[in-house]
Amino acid sequence: MAYQIINLKDIYNELGENDTKELLKDFKCPLNKDVEYFFKNKAIEFSKRDYSRTYIVLSSYKQENVIVGYFAIANKSTIIKKSILSKTKRKRFLAFANYDNDINGYHIALPLIGQIGKNYYNGYDKIITGDILLKLACDKIREIQNAIGGRFVYLECEDKTKLKEFYESNGFICFGKRNLEKDERDKNNGDYLLQMVKDLSKKEN
């Protein structure tokens, strides 16, 4: 299956805001309302303000290109505790992070996969797997890091067994938790999100 990845900002620059919103309106993600809300209500503004970049994933369906999913990436500072890292990983982090004795961890700026989700409208979610969508996001970050340097990526997800196992099966490890902000609580379950990191320099099968 072939997939096409398009930067939302390029679409906005070509079509304008109203036509771009029309393009996004049918996106559905009942499994995660925050993913759907961001795509329809925040993605354009975040792209305009350069807060993040949203990439739309297209594929062919009945001789028409349709949106099967998307991911949004940004650069964000976070803290990774020393206790979760092996000695080898600590050495790798030293090149990219500042160690803080007070917190016994590393301050590091990393690419963040802020949002990622499949489009369940009209069954388009069946055209792409979660594994492939996540791989496309990681490949895009690798492409960026090949130009500017870096090797790690992180994301945040709800503390659900299936979600955690999904990301772990794709090479991510949990390194901490982040308490939800007030405006996040109505779109997420629980009081916090798990934080997970992956070393993109490792070869994948």
C-alpha atoms as a PDB file:
ATOM      1  CA  MET A   1       0.000   0.000   0.000  1.00  0.00           C
ATOM      2  CA  ALA A   2       1.352   3.429  -0.991  1.00  0.00           C
ATOM      3  CA  TYR A   3       0.946   6.446   1.269  1.00  0.00           C
ATOM      4  CA  GLN A   4       1.450  10.120   0.553  1.00  0.00           C
ATOM      5  CA  ILE A   5       2.470  12.515   3.329  1.00  0.00           C
ATOM      6  CA  ILE A   6       1.623  16.206   2.963  1.00  0.00           C
ATOM      7  CA  ASN A   7       2.491  19.080   5.299  1.00  0.00           C
ATOM      8  CA  LEU A   8      -0.741  20.791   6.379  1.00  0.00           C
ATOM      9  CA  LYS A   9       0.947  24.182   6.100  1.00  0.00           C
ATOM     10  CA  ASP A  10       1.562  23.576   2.392  1.00  0.00           C
ATOM     11  CA  ILE A  11      -2.139  22.771   1.935  1.00  0.00           C
ATOM     12  CA  TYR A  12      -3.141  25.905   3.844  1.00  0.00           C
ATOM     13  CA  ASN A  13      -0.798  28.088   1.795  1.00  0.00           C
ATOM     14  CA  GLU A  14      -2.266  26.719  -1.432  1.00  0.00           C
ATOM     15  CA  LEU A  15      -5.972  26.500  -0.587  1.00  0.00           C
ATOM     16  CA  GLY A  16      -6.501  29.090   2.122  1.00  0.00           C
ATOM     17  CA  GLU A  17      -8.129  28.593   5.516  1.00  0.00           C
ATOM     18  CA  ASN A  18     -11.760  27.937   4.560  1.00  0.00           C
ATOM     19  CA  ASP A  19     -11.013  25.269   1.951  1.00  0.00           C
ATOM     20  CA  THR A  20      -8.467  23.627   4.261  1.00  0.00           C
ATOM     21  CA  LYS A  21     -11.051  23.415   7.065  1.00  0.00           C
ATOM     22  CA  GLU A  22     -13.485  21.859   4.607  1.00  0.00           C
ATOM     23  CA  LEU A  23     -10.851  19.236   3.787  1.00  0.00           C
ATOM     24  CA  LEU A  24     -10.410  18.345   7.467  1.00  0.00           C
ATOM     25  CA  LYS A  25     -14.041  18.347   8.576  1.00  0.00           C
ATOM     26  CA  ASP A  26     -14.824  14.648   8.010  1.00  0.00           C
ATOM     27  CA  PHE A  27     -11.963  13.327  10.132  1.00  0.00           C
ATOM     28  CA  LYS A  28     -13.291  11.031  12.874  1.00  0.00           C
ATOM     29  CA  CYS A  29     -11.398   9.437  15.759  1.00  0.00           C
ATOM     30  CA  PRO A  30     -13.894   8.066  18.311  1.00  0.00           C
ATOM     31  CA  LEU A  31     -11.104   6.319  20.243  1.00  0.00           C
ATOM     32  CA  ASN A  32      -9.455   9.650  21.129  1.00  0.00           C
ATOM     33  CA  LYS A  33     -11.497  12.847  21.028  1.00  0.00           C
ATOM     34  CA  ASP A  34      -8.399  14.957  21.662  1.00  0.00           C
ATOM     35  CA  VAL A  35      -6.849  13.658  18.415  1.00  0.00           C
ATOM     36  CA  GLU A  36      -9.995  14.601  16.478  1.00  0.00           C
ATOM     37  CA  TYR A  37     -10.376  17.982  18.206  1.00  0.00           C
ATOM     38  CA  PHE A  38      -6.779  18.997  17.504  1.00  0.00           C
ATOM     39  CA  PHE A  39      -7.021  18.087  13.827  1.00  0.00           C
ATOM     40  CA  LYS A  40     -10.222  20.043  13.255  1.00  0.00           C
ATOM     41  CA  ASN A  41      -9.693  22.999  15.585  1.00  0.00           C
ATOM     42  CA  LYS A  42      -6.003  23.540  16.331  1.00  0.00           C
ATOM     43  CA  ALA A  43      -3.826  22.046  13.597  1.00  0.00           C
ATOM     44  CA  ILE A  44      -4.179  24.960  11.159  1.00  0.00           C
ATOM     45  CA  GLU A  45      -3.519  27.623  13.795  1.00  0.00           C
ATOM     46  CA  PHE A  46      -0.554  25.712  15.240  1.00  0.00           C
ATOM     47  CA  SER A  47       0.914  25.416  11.730  1.00  0.00           C
ATOM     48  CA  LYS A  48       0.379  29.121  11.031  1.00  0.00           C
ATOM     49  CA  ARG A  49       2.108  30.079  14.287  1.00  0.00           C
ATOM     50  CA  ASP A  50       4.894  27.485  13.792  1.00  0.00           C
ATOM     51  CA  TYR A  51       4.067  25.799  17.098  1.00  0.00           C
ATOM     52  CA  SER A  52       4.064  22.406  15.395  1.00  0.00           C
ATOM     53  CA  ARG A  53       3.834  20.705  12.029  1.00  0.00           C
ATOM     54  CA  THR A  54       0.894  18.497  11.121  1.00  0.00           C
ATOM     55  CA  TYR A  55       1.346  15.898   8.409  1.00  0.00           C
ATOM     56  CA  ILE A  56      -1.669  14.411   6.642  1.00  0.00           C
ATOM     57  CA  VAL A  57      -1.384  10.830   5.400  1.00  0.00           C
ATOM     58  CA  LEU A  58      -3.275  10.072   2.191  1.00  0.00           C
ATOM     59  CA  SER A  59      -3.948   6.805   0.403  1.00  0.00           C
ATOM     60  CA  SER A  60      -5.986   5.666  -2.573  1.00  0.00           C
ATOM     61  CA  TYR A  61      -9.546   4.477  -1.953  1.00  0.00           C
ATOM     62  CA  LYS A  62     -11.872   3.734  -4.878  1.00  0.00           C
ATOM     63  CA  GLN A  63      -9.610   5.749  -7.210  1.00  0.00           C
ATOM     64  CA  GLU A  64      -9.654   8.761  -4.893  1.00  0.00           C
ATOM     65  CA  ASN A  65      -7.058  10.063  -2.445  1.00  0.00           C
ATOM     66  CA  VAL A  66      -8.494  10.118   1.073  1.00  0.00           C
ATOM     67  CA  ILE A  67      -7.164  11.068   4.492  1.00  0.00           C
ATOM     68  CA  VAL A  68      -6.348   7.859   6.390  1.00  0.00           C
ATOM     69  CA  GLY A  69      -4.556   9.472   9.326  1.00  0.00           C
ATOM     70  CA  TYR A  70      -2.259  12.221  10.502  1.00  0.00           C
ATOM     71  CA  PHE A  71       0.504  13.008  12.946  1.00  0.00           C
ATOM     72  CA  ALA A  72       1.721  16.266  14.462  1.00  0.00           C
ATOM     73  CA  ILE A  73       5.285  16.871  15.605  1.00  0.00           C
ATOM     74  CA  ALA A  74       6.955  19.671  17.555  1.00  0.00           C
ATOM     75  CA  ASN A  75      10.172  20.346  19.430  1.00  0.00           C
ATOM     76  CA  LYS A  76       9.656  20.394  23.185  1.00  0.00           C
ATOM     77  CA  SER A  77      11.755  20.348  26.337  1.00  0.00           C
ATOM     78  CA  THR A  78      11.209  17.586  28.867  1.00  0.00           C
ATOM     79  CA  ILE A  79      12.928  15.785  31.766  1.00  0.00           C
ATOM     80  CA  ILE A  80      14.106  12.184  31.699  1.00  0.00           C
ATOM     81  CA  LYS A  81      14.991  10.597  35.035  1.00  0.00           C
ATOM     82  CA  LYS A  82      18.435   9.016  35.309  1.00  0.00           C
ATOM     83  CA  SER A  83      17.005   5.936  37.039  1.00  0.00           C
ATOM     84  CA  ILE A  84      15.235   4.674  33.896  1.00  0.00           C
ATOM     85  CA  LEU A  85      18.360   4.755  31.738  1.00  0.00           C
ATOM     86  CA  SER A  86      21.014   2.081  31.399  1.00  0.00           C
ATOM     87  CA  LYS A  87      24.666   3.183  31.537  1.00  0.00           C
ATOM     88  CA  THR A  88      24.859   2.961  27.746  1.00  0.00           C
ATOM     89  CA  LYS A  89      21.770   5.151  27.298  1.00  0.00           C
ATOM     90  CA  ARG A  90      23.098   7.684  29.807  1.00  0.00           C
ATOM     91  CA  LYS A  91      26.230   8.121  27.691  1.00  0.00           C
ATOM     92  CA  ARG A  92      24.066   8.647  24.609  1.00  0.00           C
ATOM     93  CA  PHE A  93      21.947  11.271  26.397  1.00  0.00           C
ATOM     94  CA  LEU A  94      24.996  13.230  27.565  1.00  0.00           C
ATOM     95  CA  ALA A  95      25.537  14.465  24.014  1.00  0.00           C
ATOM     96  CA  PHE A  96      22.025  15.903  23.781  1.00  0.00           C
ATOM     97  CA  ALA A  97      20.993  16.787  27.346  1.00  0.00           C
ATOM     98  CA  ASN A  98      21.971  18.711  30.475  1.00  0.00           C
ATOM     99  CA  TYR A  99      22.129  16.718  33.697  1.00  0.00           C
ATOM    100  CA  ASP A 100      20.449  18.273  36.754  1.00  0.00           C
ATOM    101  CA  ASN A 101      21.575  16.956  40.148  1.00  0.00           C
ATOM    102  CA  ASP A 102      18.537  18.429  41.906  1.00  0.00           C
ATOM    103  CA  ILE A 103      16.101  16.277  39.945  1.00  0.00           C
ATOM    104  CA  ASN A 104      18.510  13.394  39.266  1.00  0.00           C
ATOM    105  CA  GLY A 105      17.624  13.570  35.604  1.00  0.00           C
ATOM    106  CA  TYR A 106      18.273  15.151  32.227  1.00  0.00           C
ATOM    107  CA  HIS A 107      16.801  18.288  30.689  1.00  0.00           C
ATOM    108  CA  ILE A 108      16.502  17.603  26.988  1.00  0.00           C
ATOM    109  CA  ALA A 109      14.766  19.124  23.964  1.00  0.00           C
ATOM    110  CA  LEU A 110      13.283  16.394  21.790  1.00  0.00           C
ATOM    111  CA  PRO A 111      10.933  16.028  18.849  1.00  0.00           C
ATOM    112  CA  LEU A 112       7.485  15.290  20.261  1.00  0.00           C
ATOM    113  CA  ILE A 113       4.835  13.298  18.429  1.00  0.00           C
ATOM    114  CA  GLY A 114       2.105  15.461  19.912  1.00  0.00           C
ATOM    115  CA  GLN A 115      -0.823  13.891  18.100  1.00  0.00           C
ATOM    116  CA  ILE A 116      -1.264  10.769  15.999  1.00  0.00           C
ATOM    117  CA  GLY A 117      -4.410   9.032  14.869  1.00  0.00           C
ATOM    118  CA  LYS A 118      -6.272   7.160  12.151  1.00  0.00           C
ATOM    119  CA  ASN A 119      -9.346   8.478  10.354  1.00  0.00           C
ATOM    120  CA  TYR A 120     -12.368   6.305  11.161  1.00  0.00           C
ATOM    121  CA  TYR A 121     -14.662   8.160   8.756  1.00  0.00           C
ATOM    122  CA  ASN A 122     -16.142   5.815   6.141  1.00  0.00           C
ATOM    123  CA  GLY A 123     -13.873   2.977   7.307  1.00  0.00           C
ATOM    124  CA  TYR A 124     -10.684   4.709   6.149  1.00  0.00           C
ATOM    125  CA  ASP A 125      -8.950   3.459   9.320  1.00  0.00           C
ATOM    126  CA  LYS A 126      -8.800  -0.001   7.740  1.00  0.00           C
ATOM    127  CA  ILE A 127      -6.489   1.310   4.995  1.00  0.00           C
ATOM    128  CA  ILE A 128      -3.584   1.860   7.397  1.00  0.00           C
ATOM    129  CA  THR A 129      -2.396   0.181  10.604  1.00  0.00           C
ATOM    130  CA  GLY A 130      -1.302   1.987  13.733  1.00  0.00           C
ATOM    131  CA  ASP A 131       2.169   0.475  13.346  1.00  0.00           C
ATOM    132  CA  ILE A 132       2.561   1.941   9.855  1.00  0.00           C
ATOM    133  CA  LEU A 133       1.240   5.365  10.885  1.00  0.00           C
ATOM    134  CA  LEU A 134       3.673   5.503  13.814  1.00  0.00           C
ATOM    135  CA  LYS A 135       6.524   4.384  11.546  1.00  0.00           C
ATOM    136  CA  LEU A 136       5.696   7.176   9.081  1.00  0.00           C
ATOM    137  CA  ALA A 137       5.877   9.693  11.942  1.00  0.00           C
ATOM    138  CA  CYS A 138       9.225   8.319  13.141  1.00  0.00           C
ATOM    139  CA  ASP A 139      10.580   8.264   9.574  1.00  0.00           C
ATOM    140  CA  LYS A 140       9.667  11.945   9.163  1.00  0.00           C
ATOM    141  CA  ILE A 141      11.531  12.785  12.375  1.00  0.00           C
ATOM    142  CA  ARG A 142      14.532  10.733  11.213  1.00  0.00           C
ATOM    143  CA  GLU A 143      14.510  12.755   8.007  1.00  0.00           C
ATOM    144  CA  ILE A 144      14.581  15.992  10.001  1.00  0.00           C
ATOM    145  CA  GLN A 145      17.297  14.708  12.351  1.00  0.00           C
ATOM    146  CA  ASN A 146      19.444  13.638   9.404  1.00  0.00           C
ATOM    147  CA  ALA A 147      19.600  17.342   8.510  1.00  0.00           C
ATOM    148  CA  ILE A 148      19.948  18.918  11.972  1.00  0.00           C
ATOM    149  CA  GLY A 149      21.175  16.122  14.261  1.00  0.00           C
ATOM    150  CA  GLY A 150      19.522  14.222  17.110  1.00  0.00           C
ATOM    151  CA  ARG A 151      18.419  10.630  17.624  1.00  0.00           C
ATOM    152  CA  PHE A 152      15.536  10.495  20.128  1.00  0.00           C
ATOM    153  CA  VAL A 153      11.785  11.107  19.909  1.00  0.00           C
ATOM    154  CA  TYR A 154       9.101  11.048  22.566  1.00  0.00           C
ATOM    155  CA  LEU A 155       5.336  11.038  22.927  1.00  0.00           C
ATOM    156  CA  GLU A 156       2.643  11.075  25.578  1.00  0.00           C
ATOM    157  CA  CYS A 157      -0.317   8.722  25.915  1.00  0.00           C
ATOM    158  CA  GLU A 158      -3.043   7.743  28.353  1.00  0.00           C
ATOM    159  CA  ASP A 159      -2.138   5.109  30.919  1.00  0.00           C
ATOM    160  CA  LYS A 160      -3.961   2.258  29.197  1.00  0.00           C
ATOM    161  CA  THR A 161      -2.465  -1.216  28.907  1.00  0.00           C
ATOM    162  CA  LYS A 162      -3.175  -1.597  25.180  1.00  0.00           C
ATOM    163  CA  LEU A 163      -1.718   1.813  24.355  1.00  0.00           C
ATOM    164  CA  LYS A 164       1.403   1.235  26.411  1.00  0.00           C
ATOM    165  CA  GLU A 165       1.931  -2.215  24.899  1.00  0.00           C
ATOM    166  CA  PHE A 166       1.433  -0.791  21.399  1.00  0.00           C
ATOM    167  CA  TYR A 167       4.137   1.837  21.834  1.00  0.00           C
ATOM    168  CA  GLU A 168       6.487  -0.580  23.614  1.00  0.00           C
ATOM    169  CA  SER A 169       6.123  -3.043  20.720  1.00  0.00           C
ATOM    170  CA  ASN A 170       7.274  -0.191  18.468  1.00  0.00           C
ATOM    171  CA  GLY A 171      10.435   0.501  20.476  1.00  0.00           C
ATOM    172  CA  PHE A 172       9.302   3.148  22.998  1.00  0.00           C
ATOM    173  CA  ILE A 173      10.062   2.950  26.719  1.00  0.00           C
ATOM    174  CA  CYS A 174       8.225   4.772  29.499  1.00  0.00           C
ATOM    175  CA  PHE A 175      10.289   7.407  31.299  1.00  0.00           C
ATOM    176  CA  GLY A 176       7.775   9.360  33.357  1.00  0.00           C
ATOM    177  CA  LYS A 177       4.354  10.941  33.787  1.00  0.00           C
ATOM    178  CA  ARG A 178       2.986  14.423  33.117  1.00  0.00           C
ATOM    179  CA  ASN A 179      -0.011  15.782  35.002  1.00  0.00           C
ATOM    180  CA  LEU A 180      -2.815  16.961  32.730  1.00  0.00           C
ATOM    181  CA  GLU A 181      -3.556  20.660  32.359  1.00  0.00           C
ATOM    182  CA  LYS A 182      -7.109  21.826  33.133  1.00  0.00           C
ATOM    183  CA  ASP A 183      -8.022  22.215  29.463  1.00  0.00           C
ATOM    184  CA  GLU A 184      -6.859  18.648  28.744  1.00  0.00           C
ATOM    185  CA  ARG A 185      -8.953  16.853  31.340  1.00  0.00           C
ATOM    186  CA  ASP A 186     -12.228  16.811  29.403  1.00  0.00           C
ATOM    187  CA  LYS A 187     -10.577  15.044  26.436  1.00  0.00           C
ATOM    188  CA  ASN A 188      -8.416  12.541  28.341  1.00  0.00           C
ATOM    189  CA  ASN A 189      -9.063   9.902  30.982  1.00  0.00           C
ATOM    190  CA  GLY A 190      -7.200  10.026  34.290  1.00  0.00           C
ATOM    191  CA  ASP A 191      -5.046  12.761  35.788  1.00  0.00           C
ATOM    192  CA  TYR A 192      -1.810  12.245  33.870  1.00  0.00           C
ATOM    193  CA  LEU A 193      -0.215  11.032  30.649  1.00  0.00           C
ATOM    194  CA  LEU A 194       2.598   8.502  30.306  1.00  0.00           C
ATOM    195  CA  GLN A 195       5.763   9.839  28.654  1.00  0.00           C
ATOM    196  CA  MET A 196       7.597   7.441  26.322  1.00  0.00           C
ATOM    197  CA  VAL A 197      10.887   7.801  24.434  1.00  0.00           C
ATOM    198  CA  LYS A 198      12.525   5.974  21.532  1.00  0.00           C
ATOM    199  CA  ASP A 199      16.075   5.901  20.165  1.00  0.00           C
ATOM    200  CA  LEU A 200      15.665   6.361  16.407  1.00  0.00           C
ATOM    201  CA  SER A 201      19.284   5.470  15.689  1.00  0.00           C
ATOM    202  CA  LYS A 202      18.517   1.790  16.273  1.00  0.00           C
ATOM    203  CA  LYS A 203      17.907  -0.308  13.188  1.00  0.00           C
ATOM    204  CA  GLU A 204      14.401  -1.708  12.848  1.00  0.00           C
ATOM    205  CA  ASN A 205      13.450  -5.060  11.389  1.00  0.00           C
END
